[in-house]
Amino acid sequence: MSQPRVSQRRPAARRVRKLAFAAIVLLAGAGTLELVLHLLWRPAGYLPGAGGALMIDDPLRFWKPKPGVHIQEPNNVRFEVNALHMRGPAVTRARPAGTRRVLCLGESTTWGQGVAEDEPYPRVLADLLAPIGAFEVLNAGVPGYTIWQSRVLLEQVGMGLDPQIVLVYHEANDHLPRGSCGSHPFQIGLRWTDRQLYTLRRPLAPLVDLAYRSRIYVGLRHLLVARTVGSGPPPGASRDDLAARYGERVPEADRRVALADMAALCRPPGCRLVLVQPAYRRFASSGLLAEFAAENGLLYVDLPRLRAEAGLADDPQAWFDDIHPTASGHRFIATALHKALLDAGYLAAPAPGWE
C-alpha cells in the first residue's frame, strides 16, 4: 500500500524542483539585467521629458528636487539645490544659535519657476528681514507640489529644522486631476488622491524606496509614461475637465486635513503657521485658506486682494503666465509677506538669552 504514495510524491517533488529552478533562473536573469543597466544606463530624471531631470523619487512625497546645480528651462536660469533637497545654498539641519528660521512651503511659485537665484520671494524676504535681525529663510517649495505633499515634507523634514514661522503657499496644484505630476499628465486617471496614495505607501515605504533604486523598474516606468508626458493636458481636454472626470489630487476635505495636521505639528514647539493665499494672475480661490485661518486663529495673508489694491492684478510685467510671477511679482509677494509678519508682531525681537 505504501508504494503508490511514494510514486505520487515523486512527480510533485519534481514539479517543486522545476519551479524552484525556474525561480532561480528568473532571479539570476533579473539580477544580471539590473547589474547591466546599472553599469550602462543612468536615468536622466524622475520622468522622461522636460523637467524630469530636476527631480528624484521619494516614497511618500512622490518626488523631490535633486541636489546639485542645474539649469532650468526655458529661461536658462542657473540655480542650486542643497543636500536637504531645497533650492538655495547649503544649510545645516540644526538652527544656528540666535537665528530665527522661516520655512516657506509651496509649489513652483515658491520654488521660483523661471527666476534667478536671488529673485524667488523666499530669497527676497530674507533680504528684507536682514535689517531686523538674524533670520534664515528656507525655500522648501517644489514644482508640482500640492498642500498634501508639503504637509508630508513638514512632518518628515520641516519641523526637524526648528522653524519659528512656517508660510504655506498652495492652491492650483491641489485642483489638478489625480495622477498628474505638476504640468505633466502623468498617469491621469489614477484613482487615488495624494492622501490615499500616501496612506497606501506609508507601511511599504522601505520597499517602495528599494523599487525606486531598481533600473528595471525605472526603465519600465519611463517606457510607460513617455507617451503621456507633455507640457499640459491631452488634446481636447482642459485640466478642469480632467479633474471633473477623474477627481482632484487633493479634494477639499483632504486639504482641510492637511491644514489641520500642519497646525498640529506647529503647535507644540510654538511655531507660527501662516496661510498665504497665492497671488495667481487668474485662478479662483476656493476660500478654504481664509476660512481655516479664521477658525483657528492663524495669520492669513490675502495676496490677491493686496495685489489688486496695488494695481498689479493684470500687470504683464509681474507675471510670466496665469500662475507664475516674474521677478517683480516675487518682490511684491515678499514685500506683502514682510509687512503682514511685521504688523502681526511675528518679527519682534526675541527675549534676551533666547537661543
Foldseek 3Di string as FASTA:
>chain_A
DVVVVVVVVVVVVVVVVVVVVVVVVVVVVLVVVQVVCVVPPDDCACAPDAPRNQWAQALQLGIAGDAAWDQHPDLREIWGQEPLRFTDDDDDLEDPFQEAEEEEEEACQLNPHNAYSCQRLQNLLCVVCVVLGHYDYTRRYYHQGALLSSLVCCVPRVVSSVHQEYEYEHDDSQLFAPQARRQFNHPQLPQAASVRSSVVRVVVRVVVVVLSSGPVSSVVSNVVRVVRTDRHHDPPAHRNRSCVVRNGNQDPVNSLVSVVSVCVSQPPVNHAYEYEHALFLDDDGPCPSVVSCVVVVHHYQDVVVVCVVVVNSPPPQQAPDRGHGYSVVSSSVSVSVSVSCVVVVVSDRDDPPGD
